[in-house]
N, C-alpha and C. Protein backbone atom coordinates (compact mmCIF):
# COMPACT_ATOMS: atom_id res chain seq x y z
N MET A 1 -26.66 16.35 -5.73
CA MET A 1 -26.99 17.46 -6.59
C MET A 1 -27.68 18.60 -5.84
N ILE A 2 -28.73 18.25 -5.07
CA ILE A 2 -29.41 19.26 -4.26
C ILE A 2 -29.49 18.73 -2.84
N THR A 3 -28.91 19.45 -1.90
CA THR A 3 -28.96 19.05 -0.51
C THR A 3 -30.04 19.86 0.20
N PHE A 4 -30.94 19.14 0.86
CA PHE A 4 -32.06 19.77 1.57
C PHE A 4 -31.88 19.58 3.06
N LYS A 5 -32.11 20.65 3.82
CA LYS A 5 -32.25 20.54 5.27
C LYS A 5 -33.74 20.56 5.54
N LEU A 6 -34.23 19.51 6.19
CA LEU A 6 -35.64 19.39 6.52
C LEU A 6 -35.80 19.78 7.98
N LYS A 7 -36.56 20.82 8.24
CA LYS A 7 -36.73 21.32 9.60
C LYS A 7 -38.20 21.24 9.98
N ASP A 8 -38.48 20.50 11.08
CA ASP A 8 -39.87 20.40 11.52
C ASP A 8 -40.17 21.46 12.58
N ASP A 9 -41.39 21.46 13.11
CA ASP A 9 -41.82 22.50 14.05
C ASP A 9 -41.10 22.45 15.39
N THR A 10 -40.45 21.34 15.70
CA THR A 10 -39.69 21.24 16.94
C THR A 10 -38.25 21.70 16.74
N ALA A 11 -37.93 22.18 15.55
CA ALA A 11 -36.60 22.65 15.15
C ALA A 11 -35.62 21.50 14.95
N GLU A 12 -36.14 20.26 14.94
CA GLU A 12 -35.28 19.12 14.61
C GLU A 12 -34.99 19.19 13.11
N THR A 13 -33.72 18.97 12.77
CA THR A 13 -33.30 19.08 11.38
C THR A 13 -32.71 17.77 10.90
N GLN A 14 -33.08 17.38 9.69
CA GLN A 14 -32.48 16.24 9.00
C GLN A 14 -32.00 16.73 7.66
N GLU A 15 -31.00 16.06 7.13
CA GLU A 15 -30.46 16.47 5.83
C GLU A 15 -30.58 15.30 4.86
N VAL A 16 -31.06 15.62 3.66
CA VAL A 16 -31.13 14.63 2.58
C VAL A 16 -30.55 15.26 1.32
N THR A 17 -29.99 14.43 0.48
CA THR A 17 -29.46 14.90 -0.79
C THR A 17 -30.21 14.23 -1.93
N ALA A 18 -30.80 15.06 -2.78
CA ALA A 18 -31.49 14.55 -3.96
C ALA A 18 -30.45 14.30 -5.05
N THR A 19 -30.50 13.11 -5.59
CA THR A 19 -29.58 12.75 -6.67
C THR A 19 -30.34 12.76 -8.00
N THR A 20 -29.65 12.39 -9.04
CA THR A 20 -30.29 12.34 -10.35
C THR A 20 -31.47 11.38 -10.36
N ARG A 21 -31.45 10.34 -9.52
CA ARG A 21 -32.58 9.40 -9.46
C ARG A 21 -33.84 10.10 -8.98
N ASP A 22 -33.69 10.97 -7.98
CA ASP A 22 -34.85 11.69 -7.45
C ASP A 22 -35.36 12.71 -8.48
N ILE A 23 -34.45 13.36 -9.15
CA ILE A 23 -34.84 14.35 -10.16
C ILE A 23 -35.51 13.66 -11.35
N LEU A 24 -34.99 12.51 -11.75
CA LEU A 24 -35.62 11.74 -12.82
C LEU A 24 -37.03 11.30 -12.41
N ASN A 25 -37.19 10.85 -11.19
CA ASN A 25 -38.50 10.46 -10.68
C ASN A 25 -39.46 11.65 -10.73
N TRP A 26 -38.99 12.82 -10.33
CA TRP A 26 -39.80 14.05 -10.38
C TRP A 26 -40.20 14.37 -11.82
N GLU A 27 -39.23 14.30 -12.76
CA GLU A 27 -39.54 14.58 -14.17
C GLU A 27 -40.59 13.61 -14.71
N ARG A 28 -40.46 12.35 -14.37
CA ARG A 28 -41.37 11.32 -14.90
C ARG A 28 -42.77 11.42 -14.30
N THR A 29 -42.90 11.97 -13.11
CA THR A 29 -44.20 12.03 -12.45
C THR A 29 -44.84 13.42 -12.49
N THR A 30 -44.16 14.37 -13.11
CA THR A 30 -44.67 15.73 -13.16
C THR A 30 -44.69 16.19 -14.61
N LYS A 31 -45.86 16.24 -15.19
CA LYS A 31 -46.02 16.55 -16.61
C LYS A 31 -45.38 17.89 -16.98
N GLY A 32 -44.55 17.85 -18.02
CA GLY A 32 -43.97 19.07 -18.57
C GLY A 32 -42.79 19.64 -17.80
N LYS A 33 -42.28 18.91 -16.81
CA LYS A 33 -41.17 19.42 -16.00
C LYS A 33 -39.85 18.83 -16.48
N SER A 34 -38.80 19.63 -16.39
CA SER A 34 -37.45 19.18 -16.73
C SER A 34 -36.46 19.85 -15.79
N PHE A 35 -35.30 19.24 -15.67
CA PHE A 35 -34.27 19.80 -14.80
C PHE A 35 -33.87 21.20 -15.25
N GLY A 36 -33.75 21.40 -16.56
CA GLY A 36 -33.41 22.73 -17.08
C GLY A 36 -34.46 23.76 -16.69
N GLY A 37 -35.72 23.39 -16.78
CA GLY A 37 -36.80 24.28 -16.38
C GLY A 37 -36.79 24.56 -14.89
N LEU A 38 -36.40 23.55 -14.10
CA LEU A 38 -36.30 23.72 -12.65
C LEU A 38 -35.28 24.80 -12.33
N MET A 39 -34.16 24.78 -13.00
CA MET A 39 -33.11 25.76 -12.74
C MET A 39 -33.54 27.16 -13.16
N ASP A 40 -34.34 27.24 -14.23
CA ASP A 40 -34.80 28.54 -14.71
C ASP A 40 -35.93 29.12 -13.85
N ASN A 41 -36.90 28.28 -13.48
CA ASN A 41 -38.10 28.75 -12.79
C ASN A 41 -38.03 28.69 -11.28
N GLN A 42 -37.36 27.69 -10.74
CA GLN A 42 -37.19 27.48 -9.31
C GLN A 42 -38.48 27.67 -8.52
N GLU A 43 -39.49 26.87 -8.85
CA GLU A 43 -40.76 26.89 -8.13
C GLU A 43 -40.64 26.03 -6.88
N ILE A 44 -41.05 26.54 -5.74
CA ILE A 44 -40.87 25.85 -4.46
C ILE A 44 -41.59 24.52 -4.43
N GLY A 45 -42.74 24.42 -5.07
CA GLY A 45 -43.47 23.15 -5.09
C GLY A 45 -42.67 22.04 -5.75
N ASP A 46 -41.90 22.39 -6.76
CA ASP A 46 -41.05 21.40 -7.42
C ASP A 46 -39.95 20.92 -6.48
N PHE A 47 -39.35 21.84 -5.74
CA PHE A 47 -38.31 21.45 -4.79
C PHE A 47 -38.87 20.58 -3.67
N TYR A 48 -40.09 20.88 -3.23
CA TYR A 48 -40.72 20.03 -2.21
C TYR A 48 -40.92 18.61 -2.73
N LYS A 49 -41.35 18.48 -3.97
CA LYS A 49 -41.58 17.14 -4.52
C LYS A 49 -40.26 16.38 -4.66
N ILE A 50 -39.22 17.05 -5.09
CA ILE A 50 -37.91 16.40 -5.20
C ILE A 50 -37.40 16.00 -3.82
N ALA A 51 -37.54 16.89 -2.84
CA ALA A 51 -37.11 16.58 -1.47
C ALA A 51 -37.91 15.41 -0.92
N PHE A 52 -39.19 15.34 -1.23
CA PHE A 52 -40.03 14.23 -0.80
C PHE A 52 -39.49 12.91 -1.34
N PHE A 53 -39.17 12.87 -2.63
CA PHE A 53 -38.61 11.65 -3.21
C PHE A 53 -37.28 11.28 -2.54
N ALA A 54 -36.44 12.28 -2.29
CA ALA A 54 -35.15 12.02 -1.65
C ALA A 54 -35.34 11.52 -0.21
N ALA A 55 -36.30 12.09 0.51
CA ALA A 55 -36.55 11.66 1.89
C ALA A 55 -37.09 10.23 1.94
N LYS A 56 -37.95 9.87 1.00
CA LYS A 56 -38.45 8.50 0.94
C LYS A 56 -37.29 7.54 0.69
N ARG A 57 -36.40 7.91 -0.21
CA ARG A 57 -35.30 7.03 -0.60
C ARG A 57 -34.22 6.95 0.47
N THR A 58 -33.89 8.05 1.12
CA THR A 58 -32.72 8.06 2.00
C THR A 58 -33.03 7.90 3.48
N ILE A 59 -34.12 8.48 3.97
CA ILE A 59 -34.40 8.38 5.41
C ILE A 59 -35.66 7.58 5.69
N GLY A 60 -36.26 7.03 4.64
CA GLY A 60 -37.42 6.18 4.82
C GLY A 60 -38.70 6.89 5.21
N PHE A 61 -38.85 8.17 4.80
CA PHE A 61 -40.10 8.87 5.09
C PHE A 61 -41.25 8.06 4.51
N ALA A 62 -42.25 7.76 5.34
CA ALA A 62 -43.31 6.85 4.93
C ALA A 62 -44.65 7.54 4.68
N GLY A 63 -44.74 8.85 4.90
CA GLY A 63 -46.01 9.54 4.72
C GLY A 63 -46.25 9.93 3.28
N THR A 64 -47.34 10.66 3.07
CA THR A 64 -47.68 11.16 1.74
C THR A 64 -46.89 12.44 1.45
N GLN A 65 -46.95 12.87 0.22
CA GLN A 65 -46.29 14.12 -0.14
C GLN A 65 -46.92 15.29 0.62
N GLN A 66 -48.23 15.27 0.78
CA GLN A 66 -48.90 16.33 1.53
C GLN A 66 -48.44 16.34 2.99
N GLU A 67 -48.31 15.18 3.60
CA GLU A 67 -47.83 15.09 4.98
C GLU A 67 -46.39 15.61 5.10
N PHE A 68 -45.59 15.31 4.10
CA PHE A 68 -44.21 15.80 4.06
C PHE A 68 -44.20 17.33 4.01
N GLU A 69 -45.01 17.90 3.13
CA GLU A 69 -45.08 19.36 2.98
C GLU A 69 -45.56 20.04 4.25
N GLN A 70 -46.48 19.39 4.96
CA GLN A 70 -47.01 19.97 6.20
C GLN A 70 -46.05 19.81 7.37
N ARG A 71 -45.16 18.85 7.29
CA ARG A 71 -44.24 18.58 8.40
C ARG A 71 -42.95 19.39 8.33
N TYR A 72 -42.44 19.64 7.13
CA TYR A 72 -41.10 20.21 6.99
C TYR A 72 -41.06 21.56 6.29
N ASP A 73 -40.17 22.42 6.78
CA ASP A 73 -39.71 23.57 6.03
C ASP A 73 -38.42 23.14 5.35
N LEU A 74 -38.14 23.72 4.19
CA LEU A 74 -36.93 23.34 3.45
C LEU A 74 -35.92 24.47 3.44
N GLU A 75 -34.67 24.09 3.57
CA GLU A 75 -33.54 24.96 3.26
C GLU A 75 -32.70 24.17 2.28
N PHE A 76 -32.22 24.83 1.23
CA PHE A 76 -31.45 24.08 0.24
C PHE A 76 -30.56 24.99 -0.58
N GLU A 77 -29.56 24.34 -1.17
CA GLU A 77 -28.69 24.98 -2.14
C GLU A 77 -28.59 24.05 -3.34
N VAL A 78 -28.65 24.62 -4.50
CA VAL A 78 -28.51 23.84 -5.72
C VAL A 78 -27.04 23.88 -6.12
N GLU A 79 -26.44 22.70 -6.23
CA GLU A 79 -25.04 22.62 -6.65
C GLU A 79 -25.02 22.59 -8.17
N GLU A 80 -24.61 23.69 -8.76
CA GLU A 80 -24.54 23.74 -10.22
C GLU A 80 -23.16 23.29 -10.66
N GLU A 81 -23.15 22.53 -11.73
CA GLU A 81 -21.90 22.03 -12.26
C GLU A 81 -21.14 23.19 -12.89
N ALA A 82 -19.81 23.11 -12.80
CA ALA A 82 -18.97 24.15 -13.39
C ALA A 82 -19.13 24.15 -14.90
N ASP A 83 -19.06 25.32 -15.50
CA ASP A 83 -19.16 25.44 -16.96
C ASP A 83 -17.91 24.84 -17.57
N PRO A 84 -18.06 23.80 -18.42
CA PRO A 84 -16.89 23.15 -19.01
C PRO A 84 -16.23 23.96 -20.12
N THR A 85 -16.86 25.05 -20.53
CA THR A 85 -16.30 25.88 -21.59
C THR A 85 -15.15 26.71 -21.06
N PRO A 86 -13.97 26.60 -21.68
CA PRO A 86 -12.84 27.40 -21.20
C PRO A 86 -13.08 28.89 -21.44
N ALA A 87 -12.58 29.69 -20.52
CA ALA A 87 -12.71 31.15 -20.65
C ALA A 87 -11.88 31.64 -21.83
N VAL A 88 -12.39 32.64 -22.51
CA VAL A 88 -11.67 33.24 -23.64
C VAL A 88 -10.69 34.27 -23.08
N PRO A 89 -9.41 34.17 -23.44
CA PRO A 89 -8.42 35.14 -22.92
C PRO A 89 -8.58 36.52 -23.49
């Protein structure tokens, strides 16, 4: 759903993809947050938390969220699903 490039100060880059499991984990641990709100507000702190969950799950990042934020810069694109509503002719 969201692919993150994690770039540290040595310019080493790793890529992780946050899936619905990571987004669900973010929603459950962050009061008042929802995926719809994420798309509307796009606050960088929310993306960092989601990337942190994805990095723990996929590459085994073992540090704290604060350590993650201090270690990596993020580059990302949000893959939005196509609108299922047919166009009106």
